[in-house]
Amino acid sequence: MHTNDAAKLRQYIEKIENLEVEKNDLQEHISDVYGQAKGDGFDPKIMRKIVRLKRMKTEDREAEDLLLDSYMLALGLIPTDGGNGESGS
């Protein structure tokens, strides 16, 4: 490897290492915010899901919801009510 290439590689590695440190710092800050929200009575697990869903495209989110409902229905986790809004008891 040429000296110039080795220097470039070293710069890339150092830049990645610095970004990894920044990423870890940001993750700690994010965790702190979730902790504060939990202290105020919010559910961090649900909040994380909302953040993930908000990043999704609408059509991807709708497709995921449809598939989830289909699976839950197939497993009997969603009662079938014949469309009248009442459960069949």
Protein backbone atom coordinates (compact mmCIF):
# COMPACT_ATOMS: atom_id res chain seq x y z
CA MET A 1 0.00 0.00 0.00
CA HIS A 2 1.32 3.44 -0.90
CA THR A 3 2.07 5.93 1.84
CA ASN A 4 -0.69 8.22 0.59
CA ASP A 5 -3.21 5.35 0.62
CA ALA A 6 -2.19 4.36 4.14
CA ALA A 7 -2.67 7.95 5.31
CA LYS A 8 -6.12 8.10 3.70
CA LEU A 9 -7.08 4.81 5.29
CA ARG A 10 -5.90 6.06 8.70
CA GLN A 11 -8.01 9.22 8.27
CA TYR A 12 -11.09 7.18 7.38
CA ILE A 13 -10.60 4.89 10.37
CA GLU A 14 -10.14 7.85 12.73
CA LYS A 15 -13.22 9.56 11.33
CA ILE A 16 -15.29 6.39 11.79
CA GLU A 17 -14.01 5.99 15.34
CA ASN A 18 -14.94 9.59 16.16
CA LEU A 19 -18.40 9.14 14.66
CA GLU A 20 -18.89 5.95 16.70
CA VAL A 21 -18.10 7.91 19.88
CA GLU A 22 -20.59 10.61 18.85
CA LYS A 23 -23.18 7.92 18.06
CA ASN A 24 -22.73 6.40 21.52
CA ASP A 25 -23.09 9.83 23.14
CA LEU A 26 -26.29 10.47 21.16
CA GLN A 27 -27.66 7.06 22.14
CA GLU A 28 -27.05 7.90 25.80
CA HIS A 29 -28.92 11.19 25.37
CA ILE A 30 -31.81 9.42 23.66
CA SER A 31 -31.96 6.88 26.49
CA ASP A 32 -32.02 9.75 29.00
CA VAL A 33 -35.00 11.30 27.21
CA TYR A 34 -36.87 7.97 27.25
CA GLY A 35 -36.06 7.70 30.95
CA GLN A 36 -37.46 11.17 31.59
CA ALA A 37 -40.59 10.31 29.62
CA LYS A 38 -40.99 7.12 31.65
CA GLY A 39 -40.71 9.19 34.83
CA ASP A 40 -43.59 11.30 33.51
CA GLY A 41 -45.73 8.18 33.01
CA PHE A 42 -45.15 7.46 29.32
CA ASP A 43 -44.26 4.01 28.01
CA PRO A 44 -40.82 4.10 26.33
CA LYS A 45 -41.49 0.85 24.43
CA ILE A 46 -44.54 2.38 22.76
CA MET A 47 -42.70 5.66 22.17
CA ARG A 48 -39.88 3.77 20.38
CA LYS A 49 -42.48 2.05 18.21
CA ILE A 50 -44.08 5.39 17.33
CA VAL A 51 -40.69 6.87 16.40
CA ARG A 52 -40.04 3.85 14.16
CA LEU A 53 -43.48 4.10 12.55
CA LYS A 54 -43.11 7.83 11.91
CA ARG A 55 -39.91 7.16 9.94
CA MET A 56 -41.74 4.74 7.66
CA LYS A 57 -43.46 5.71 4.44
CA THR A 58 -47.23 5.75 4.78
CA GLU A 59 -47.71 2.92 2.30
CA ASP A 60 -45.10 0.76 4.09
CA ARG A 61 -46.75 1.41 7.45
CA GLU A 62 -50.19 0.56 6.04
CA ALA A 63 -48.86 -2.65 4.47
CA GLU A 64 -47.25 -3.64 7.77
CA ASP A 65 -50.49 -2.93 9.67
CA LEU A 66 -52.50 -5.01 7.20
CA LEU A 67 -50.08 -7.92 7.43
CA LEU A 68 -50.00 -7.72 11.24
CA ASP A 69 -53.82 -7.74 11.37
CA SER A 70 -53.93 -10.72 8.99
CA TYR A 71 -51.49 -12.71 11.13
CA MET A 72 -53.29 -11.79 14.37
CA LEU A 73 -56.64 -12.77 12.84
CA ALA A 74 -55.22 -16.09 11.66
CA LEU A 75 -53.92 -16.79 15.17
CA GLY A 76 -57.22 -15.88 16.82
CA LEU A 77 -55.79 -12.80 18.51
CA ILE A 78 -58.45 -10.61 16.89
CA PRO A 79 -62.01 -11.82 17.40
CA THR A 80 -64.13 -12.24 14.29
CA ASP A 81 -67.41 -10.41 14.81
CA GLY A 82 -69.04 -10.73 11.43
CA GLY A 83 -68.69 -6.99 10.87
CA ASN A 84 -71.33 -5.92 13.42
CA GLY A 85 -68.90 -4.72 16.07
CA GLU A 86 -69.99 -7.30 18.65
CA SER A 87 -67.94 -10.27 19.74
CA GLY A 88 -69.51 -13.68 19.31
CA SER A 89 -70.07 -14.79 22.93
